[in-house]
Protein backbone atom coordinates (compact mmCIF):
# COMPACT_ATOMS: atom_id res chain seq x y z
CA MET A 1 0.00 0.00 0.00
CA THR A 2 1.24 3.43 -0.82
CA ASP A 3 -1.23 5.85 0.72
CA GLY A 4 -3.20 3.64 3.10
CA THR A 5 -6.24 3.45 0.82
CA SER A 6 -5.18 1.45 -2.22
CA VAL A 7 -3.24 -1.70 -2.96
CA ASP A 8 -0.36 -1.76 -5.44
CA ARG A 9 -0.82 -4.89 -7.54
CA ASP A 10 -0.09 -5.97 -11.07
CA ALA A 11 -3.21 -6.33 -13.20
CA GLY A 12 -2.56 -10.07 -13.57
CA ASP A 13 -2.26 -10.76 -9.83
CA PRO A 14 -5.10 -12.81 -8.36
CA PRO A 15 -7.11 -11.18 -5.57
CA THR A 16 -5.73 -11.83 -2.12
CA LEU A 17 -9.12 -12.34 -0.48
CA ARG A 18 -12.30 -14.04 -1.72
CA ALA A 19 -15.46 -12.99 0.13
CA VAL A 20 -19.17 -13.66 0.41
CA VAL A 21 -21.11 -10.64 1.68
CA CYS A 22 -24.48 -10.97 3.43
CA ASP A 23 -26.67 -8.13 4.69
CA ASP A 24 -30.38 -7.47 4.42
CA ASP A 25 -29.68 -3.86 3.39
CA ALA A 26 -28.64 -3.55 -0.26
CA VAL A 27 -26.74 -0.30 0.40
CA VAL A 28 -24.67 -1.90 3.16
CA ARG A 29 -23.90 -4.91 0.93
CA SER A 30 -22.80 -2.56 -1.83
CA VAL A 31 -20.55 -0.47 0.43
CA VAL A 32 -18.93 -3.51 2.05
CA SER A 33 -18.37 -5.13 -1.35
CA GLN A 34 -16.85 -1.95 -2.74
CA LEU A 35 -14.47 -1.66 0.23
CA ILE A 36 -13.31 -5.24 -0.22
CA GLU A 37 -12.73 -4.78 -3.95
CA GLU A 38 -10.96 -1.42 -3.53
CA ARG A 39 -8.46 -3.16 -1.29
CA GLY A 40 -7.70 -5.93 -3.76
CA GLY A 41 -10.25 -8.52 -2.69
CA GLN A 42 -12.87 -10.26 -4.76
CA VAL A 43 -16.54 -10.50 -3.77
CA ILE A 44 -17.64 -13.83 -5.19
CA ALA A 45 -21.26 -13.64 -3.99
CA GLU A 46 -23.73 -11.33 -2.27
CA THR A 47 -27.01 -12.19 -0.60
CA ASP A 48 -29.60 -10.78 1.77
CA ALA A 49 -30.49 -14.11 3.39
CA ALA A 50 -28.46 -15.88 6.06
CA ALA A 51 -29.61 -19.34 4.93
CA GLN A 52 -28.42 -18.62 1.40
CA THR A 53 -25.08 -17.43 2.81
CA ILE A 54 -24.41 -20.90 4.17
CA ALA A 55 -25.10 -22.49 0.79
CA LEU A 56 -22.91 -19.94 -0.98
CA ALA A 57 -20.07 -20.49 1.48
CA GLU A 58 -20.25 -24.24 0.98
CA ARG A 59 -20.33 -23.85 -2.81
CA PHE A 60 -17.61 -21.22 -3.29
CA GLU A 61 -15.41 -21.84 -0.21
CA PRO A 62 -14.53 -18.15 0.34
CA ASP A 63 -11.70 -16.96 2.54
CA VAL A 64 -14.16 -14.86 4.55
CA VAL A 65 -17.92 -14.42 4.99
CA VAL A 66 -19.09 -10.94 6.01
CA LEU A 67 -22.44 -10.91 7.82
């Protein structure tokens, strides 16, 4: 990181973090997803239902699940 807000990476580098984001508020999901992606992560799925989060986590095997 150079300025504390962005990640220096080559365009071909894979993301360092794969995440599933769950929140019943679409705005919160969007903001959290944007923050993850701005810092070099990859949001592989978003949902508003906790039960669906479990299925998505089992299917995609993310590094982190944000509830």
